[in-house]
Amino acid sequence: MTSHSHAEAIRQLGRGLGPDVLERCRALYAPEQEPLAARVPVRSADCAYGSDPRHRLDLYGGDRRGDPVPVVLFVHGGGFLKGDKAADGWPNAAVGRWAAEQGWLGAVMNYRLAPEHVWPAGGEDVLAALDWLAAHAAEWGGDARRIVVLGTSAGAVHAAAAMQLRPDLAVRGLVLLSGLYGYTPPDPRDLLYYGAAELYPARMPRAAVEATALPLLLACAEFDPPRFQAEFLGLMQARLDRHGSLPRTHFASGHNHYTMAMHLGTADRRLAEEVAGFVAQCCA
């Protein structure tokens, strides 16, 4: 569980975003994540899934000697403008390492960033990474027929956009952590990726995520900014209205927007167990 000291420190940070908050969150979890980084080295770094320098992914775990294992593709956050898979660090690579420790093949991808690359580049890159995994996962012990995509923040948006661009997306399920789907007005920085404000509603993946028959795990943090909480509730209500039931969900008490994905692989196993159960169910 989240230690009292971690939960209190996160509460004191409030709901704000920014480099200072991010660095303080990293400092909280470094003592637990750095041993994981040492224990689970990257198996193959900078696999090129496309022609752009950002079209790279890293692989963790997998074993060709046994039966093929599920594949978890992690798509990092960064507000459309920044972020890195960080094979030589841990904040994003930790998700791939955690996946490897579950016995899966973990893949952690980079994607093209705004403002140089605009909508729908992120969704296109998720599709390209999935196509690469479909062709190559078996080489690393992964089962290309059992892929789950896990995205956080902007990464959740890009994962949802992959469904928007390819409605018959060949994955077993999606885990969307603190994403934006189109239920709230854009932030000015979002328009660096989406373009003019009048284009924003049609370019958001709201309709695709509402309609999909793919299994979903939706999550939100207690100290997420209000906009992300409103997006979570908007999608939940829309799914209930359309399908007559709620998707699988997780409310990460004691966490904020950054620590949502950052704490996977630590002693706080609530989200980890929820994701592991979801992957097991989807890939059975």
Protein backbone atom coordinates (compact mmCIF):
# COMPACT_ATOMS: atom_id res chain seq x y z
CA MET A 1 0.00 0.00 0.00
CA THR A 2 1.03 3.65 -0.34
CA SER A 3 3.02 4.56 2.77
CA HIS A 4 1.53 7.25 4.95
CA SER A 5 4.53 9.46 4.22
CA HIS A 6 4.12 9.09 0.46
CA ALA A 7 0.39 9.74 0.60
CA GLU A 8 0.88 12.81 2.77
CA ALA A 9 3.67 14.15 0.55
CA ILE A 10 1.49 13.68 -2.54
CA ARG A 11 -1.46 15.34 -0.83
CA GLN A 12 0.70 18.35 0.01
CA LEU A 13 1.73 18.66 -3.64
CA GLY A 14 -1.93 19.23 -4.49
CA ARG A 15 -3.39 18.86 -7.98
CA GLY A 16 -0.94 21.00 -9.91
CA LEU A 17 1.34 19.93 -12.74
CA GLY A 18 4.83 21.08 -13.68
CA PRO A 19 8.52 20.19 -13.57
CA ASP A 20 8.88 20.83 -9.84
CA VAL A 21 5.98 18.55 -8.96
CA LEU A 22 7.28 15.89 -11.33
CA GLU A 23 10.75 15.93 -9.80
CA ARG A 24 9.39 15.70 -6.26
CA CYS A 25 7.30 12.71 -7.27
CA ARG A 26 10.32 11.05 -8.84
CA ALA A 27 12.27 11.55 -5.63
CA LEU A 28 9.53 9.83 -3.65
CA TYR A 29 9.69 6.64 -5.69
CA ALA A 30 13.37 6.51 -6.69
CA PRO A 31 14.36 4.31 -3.70
CA GLU A 32 11.94 1.63 -4.89
CA GLN A 33 12.29 2.04 -8.64
CA GLU A 34 16.08 2.15 -8.91
CA PRO A 35 16.47 -1.45 -7.64
CA LEU A 36 13.86 -2.55 -10.20
CA ALA A 37 15.92 -0.86 -12.92
CA ALA A 38 19.00 -2.77 -11.79
CA ARG A 39 17.09 -6.04 -11.49
CA VAL A 40 15.40 -5.92 -14.91
CA PRO A 41 17.72 -4.57 -17.60
CA VAL A 42 16.42 -3.63 -21.01
CA ARG A 43 16.42 -6.66 -23.29
CA SER A 44 16.48 -4.79 -26.58
CA ALA A 45 16.75 -1.00 -26.79
CA ASP A 46 15.78 1.35 -29.59
CA CYS A 47 13.95 -1.10 -31.80
CA ALA A 48 12.93 0.94 -34.85
CA TYR A 49 9.24 0.62 -35.59
CA GLY A 50 9.26 3.43 -38.17
CA SER A 51 11.44 5.93 -40.02
CA ASP A 52 11.39 8.89 -37.62
CA PRO A 53 14.09 9.13 -34.91
CA ARG A 54 11.29 9.02 -32.31
CA HIS A 55 9.97 5.76 -33.76
CA ARG A 56 11.77 3.63 -31.20
CA LEU A 57 10.70 1.19 -28.51
CA ASP A 58 12.45 -0.83 -25.81
CA LEU A 59 11.67 -4.41 -24.80
CA TYR A 60 11.77 -6.00 -21.35
CA GLY A 61 11.31 -9.62 -20.39
CA GLY A 62 9.98 -12.30 -22.68
CA ASP A 63 11.57 -15.69 -23.26
CA ARG A 64 11.63 -17.61 -26.53
CA ARG A 65 12.24 -20.89 -24.70
CA GLY A 66 8.71 -21.15 -23.31
CA ASP A 67 5.18 -20.55 -24.45
CA PRO A 68 4.49 -17.09 -25.91
CA VAL A 69 3.46 -14.56 -23.26
CA PRO A 70 1.16 -11.53 -23.33
CA VAL A 71 2.61 -8.24 -24.55
CA VAL A 72 2.00 -4.93 -22.76
CA LEU A 73 2.79 -1.80 -24.77
CA PHE A 74 3.25 1.31 -22.60
CA VAL A 75 2.66 4.78 -24.07
CA HIS A 76 4.13 7.52 -21.87
CA GLY A 77 2.65 10.91 -21.04
CA GLY A 78 4.08 14.39 -21.46
CA GLY A 79 1.30 16.75 -22.52
CA PHE A 80 1.89 15.99 -26.23
CA LEU A 81 5.15 17.99 -26.06
CA LYS A 82 7.68 15.90 -24.13
CA GLY A 83 8.44 12.50 -22.61
CA ASP A 84 10.80 9.61 -23.22
CA LYS A 85 10.85 5.84 -22.83
CA ALA A 86 14.05 6.22 -20.78
CA ALA A 87 15.79 2.86 -21.06
CA ASP A 88 18.64 4.29 -18.97
CA GLY A 89 16.30 5.59 -16.27
CA TRP A 90 13.13 4.46 -14.60
CA PRO A 91 10.09 6.80 -14.68
CA ASN A 92 8.63 5.37 -17.89
CA ALA A 93 10.84 2.33 -18.32
CA ALA A 94 9.58 1.10 -14.94
CA VAL A 95 6.29 0.08 -16.54
CA GLY A 96 8.09 -2.18 -19.00
CA ARG A 97 10.22 -3.63 -16.22
CA TRP A 98 7.15 -4.21 -14.07
CA ALA A 99 5.47 -5.98 -17.00
CA ALA A 100 8.53 -8.21 -17.38
CA GLU A 101 8.32 -9.15 -13.71
CA GLN A 102 4.74 -10.30 -14.27
CA GLY A 103 6.05 -12.75 -16.87
CA TRP A 104 4.98 -10.68 -19.88
CA LEU A 105 6.89 -8.98 -22.68
CA GLY A 106 6.96 -5.27 -21.84
CA ALA A 107 7.36 -2.71 -24.63
CA VAL A 108 7.87 1.00 -23.92
CA MET A 109 7.59 3.32 -26.90
CA ASN A 110 8.49 6.84 -27.90
CA TYR A 111 6.29 8.76 -30.32
CA ARG A 112 6.56 11.99 -32.30
CA LEU A 113 5.96 15.18 -30.34
CA ALA A 114 4.20 18.48 -30.94
CA PRO A 115 4.53 21.14 -32.15
CA GLU A 116 6.66 19.60 -34.92
CA HIS A 117 4.21 16.73 -35.30
CA VAL A 118 0.49 17.35 -34.99
CA TRP A 119 -2.70 15.27 -34.85
CA PRO A 120 -3.03 12.40 -35.63
CA ALA A 121 0.71 11.63 -35.32
CA GLY A 122 0.47 10.12 -31.82
CA GLY A 123 -2.29 7.68 -32.73
CA GLU A 124 -0.51 6.78 -35.96
CA ASP A 125 2.64 6.01 -33.99
CA VAL A 126 0.79 3.71 -31.59
CA LEU A 127 -0.58 1.86 -34.63
CA ALA A 128 2.90 1.61 -36.14
CA ALA A 129 4.32 0.25 -32.87
CA LEU A 130 1.51 -2.30 -32.70
CA ASP A 131 2.17 -3.36 -36.28
CA TRP A 132 5.86 -3.82 -35.43
CA LEU A 133 4.98 -5.90 -32.38
CA ALA A 134 2.58 -8.00 -34.44
CA ALA A 135 5.46 -8.81 -36.77
CA HIS A 136 8.27 -9.18 -34.22
CA ALA A 137 6.91 -10.01 -30.74
CA ALA A 138 7.42 -13.73 -31.31
CA GLU A 139 11.16 -13.14 -31.74
CA TRP A 140 11.23 -12.07 -28.09
CA GLY A 141 8.81 -14.62 -26.69
CA GLY A 142 5.71 -12.46 -26.99
CA ASP A 143 2.33 -13.49 -28.32
CA ALA A 144 1.28 -11.03 -31.03
CA ARG A 145 -2.32 -12.22 -30.62
CA ARG A 146 -2.37 -11.08 -26.97
CA ILE A 147 -1.38 -7.41 -26.81
CA VAL A 148 -2.72 -4.94 -24.25
CA VAL A 149 -1.99 -1.21 -24.60
CA LEU A 150 -1.41 0.83 -21.43
CA GLY A 151 -1.25 4.61 -21.79
CA THR A 152 -1.04 7.43 -19.26
CA SER A 153 -2.07 11.07 -19.79
CA ALA A 154 -1.18 12.01 -23.39
CA GLY A 155 -0.24 8.36 -23.90
CA ALA A 156 -3.79 7.35 -22.97
CA VAL A 157 -5.06 9.86 -25.52
CA HIS A 158 -2.84 8.39 -28.23
CA ALA A 159 -3.88 4.85 -27.32
CA ALA A 160 -7.53 5.88 -27.62
CA ALA A 161 -6.76 7.66 -30.89
CA ALA A 162 -5.38 4.40 -32.27
CA MET A 163 -8.92 3.00 -31.94
CA GLN A 164 -10.26 6.14 -33.54
CA LEU A 165 -8.02 5.63 -36.56
CA ARG A 166 -8.43 1.85 -36.71
CA PRO A 167 -11.78 0.75 -35.25
CA ASP A 168 -10.90 -2.94 -35.66
CA LEU A 169 -7.73 -2.52 -33.59
CA ALA A 170 -6.22 -5.98 -33.05
CA VAL A 171 -5.46 -5.78 -29.32
CA ARG A 172 -7.03 -7.56 -26.36
CA GLY A 173 -7.71 -4.45 -24.30
CA LEU A 174 -6.68 -0.93 -23.32
CA VAL A 175 -5.69 0.53 -19.95
CA LEU A 176 -6.24 4.29 -19.99
CA LEU A 177 -4.78 6.21 -17.05
CA SER A 178 -5.83 9.85 -16.57
CA GLY A 179 -6.55 10.54 -20.22
CA LEU A 180 -8.39 13.23 -22.17
CA TYR A 181 -11.18 12.04 -24.44
CA GLY A 182 -13.16 15.13 -25.41
CA TYR A 183 -15.52 15.96 -22.53
CA THR A 184 -13.85 19.23 -21.51
CA PRO A 185 -12.53 22.28 -23.41
CA PRO A 186 -8.89 22.16 -24.55
CA ASP A 187 -5.99 23.65 -22.69
CA PRO A 188 -4.00 26.10 -24.88
CA ARG A 189 -1.03 23.72 -24.99
CA ASP A 190 -3.28 20.97 -26.38
CA LEU A 191 -3.85 23.09 -29.47
CA LEU A 192 -0.16 22.81 -30.31
CA TYR A 193 -1.03 19.22 -31.16
CA TYR A 194 -4.68 19.43 -32.20
CA GLY A 195 -4.65 22.70 -34.13
CA ALA A 196 -7.37 25.34 -33.96
CA ALA A 197 -9.92 25.13 -31.14
CA GLU A 198 -12.78 24.50 -33.57
CA LEU A 199 -11.01 21.32 -34.74
CA TYR A 200 -10.56 19.95 -31.24
CA PRO A 201 -13.95 18.23 -30.66
CA ALA A 202 -13.89 16.23 -33.89
CA ARG A 203 -10.27 15.19 -33.41
CA MET A 204 -10.69 13.86 -29.87
CA PRO A 205 -11.22 10.09 -29.47
CA ARG A 206 -14.44 10.44 -27.46
CA ALA A 207 -16.73 8.64 -29.91
CA ALA A 208 -14.29 5.76 -30.42
CA VAL A 209 -13.80 5.10 -26.70
CA GLU A 210 -17.52 5.32 -26.03
CA ALA A 211 -18.36 2.84 -28.79
CA THR A 212 -15.56 0.27 -28.68
CA ALA A 213 -16.31 -3.31 -27.74
CA LEU A 214 -12.70 -3.81 -26.63
CA PRO A 215 -12.26 -4.35 -22.89
CA LEU A 216 -11.27 -1.14 -21.09
CA LEU A 217 -9.69 -0.40 -17.74
CA LEU A 218 -10.13 3.29 -16.91
CA ALA A 219 -8.29 4.95 -14.04
CA CYS A 220 -8.10 8.35 -12.39
CA ALA A 221 -6.10 9.67 -9.43
CA GLU A 222 -7.40 11.34 -6.28
CA PHE A 223 -5.13 14.32 -6.88
CA ASP A 224 -5.50 14.50 -10.65
CA PRO A 225 -6.36 18.03 -11.83
CA PRO A 226 -10.15 18.55 -11.98
CA ARG A 227 -10.14 18.43 -15.79
CA PHE A 228 -8.82 14.87 -15.81
CA GLN A 229 -11.35 13.82 -13.19
CA ALA A 230 -14.14 15.38 -15.27
CA GLU A 231 -12.93 13.46 -18.33
CA PHE A 232 -12.93 10.21 -16.33
CA LEU A 233 -16.48 10.80 -15.12
CA GLY A 234 -17.66 11.90 -18.57
CA LEU A 235 -16.43 8.72 -20.19
CA MET A 236 -17.81 6.56 -17.38
CA GLN A 237 -21.27 8.09 -17.75
CA ALA A 238 -21.16 7.79 -21.54
CA ARG A 239 -20.19 4.12 -21.33
CA LEU A 240 -23.00 3.45 -18.85
CA ASP A 241 -25.53 5.21 -21.04
CA ARG A 242 -24.43 3.39 -24.18
CA HIS A 243 -23.63 -0.09 -22.89
CA GLY A 244 -25.74 -0.33 -19.75
CA SER A 245 -22.73 -1.09 -17.58
CA LEU A 246 -19.52 0.53 -16.42
CA PRO A 247 -16.10 -0.56 -17.70
CA ARG A 248 -13.52 -1.87 -15.29
CA THR A 249 -12.24 1.09 -13.27
CA HIS A 250 -9.69 2.07 -10.66
CA PHE A 251 -9.62 5.18 -8.50
CA ALA A 252 -6.05 5.70 -7.28
CA SER A 253 -6.48 7.19 -3.83
CA GLY A 254 -3.34 8.83 -2.49
CA HIS A 255 -1.91 9.45 -5.97
CA ASN A 256 -1.62 12.33 -8.41
CA HIS A 257 -1.31 12.66 -12.17
CA TYR A 258 2.39 11.77 -12.19
CA THR A 259 2.48 9.03 -9.57
CA MET A 260 -0.38 7.14 -11.25
CA ALA A 261 1.98 5.28 -13.60
CA MET A 262 5.19 6.11 -11.73
CA HIS A 263 4.39 3.86 -8.77
CA LEU A 264 3.84 0.66 -10.79
CA GLY A 265 6.44 -1.79 -9.51
CA THR A 266 6.52 -0.42 -5.96
CA ALA A 267 5.08 -1.70 -2.68
CA ASP A 268 1.75 -0.02 -3.45
CA ARG A 269 0.24 -2.82 -5.53
CA ARG A 270 -3.38 -1.67 -5.80
CA LEU A 271 -3.18 -0.42 -9.40
CA ALA A 272 -0.63 -3.10 -10.30
CA GLU A 273 -2.98 -5.86 -9.19
CA GLU A 274 -5.88 -4.27 -11.05
CA VAL A 275 -3.87 -4.06 -14.27
CA ALA A 276 -2.49 -7.58 -13.80
CA GLY A 277 -5.99 -8.94 -13.32
CA PHE A 278 -7.20 -7.09 -16.38
CA VAL A 279 -4.37 -8.40 -18.57
CA ALA A 280 -4.94 -11.93 -17.30
CA GLN A 281 -8.65 -11.67 -18.06
CA CYS A 282 -8.12 -10.18 -21.52
CA CYS A 283 -5.39 -12.64 -22.48
CA ALA A 284 -6.86 -15.82 -21.07
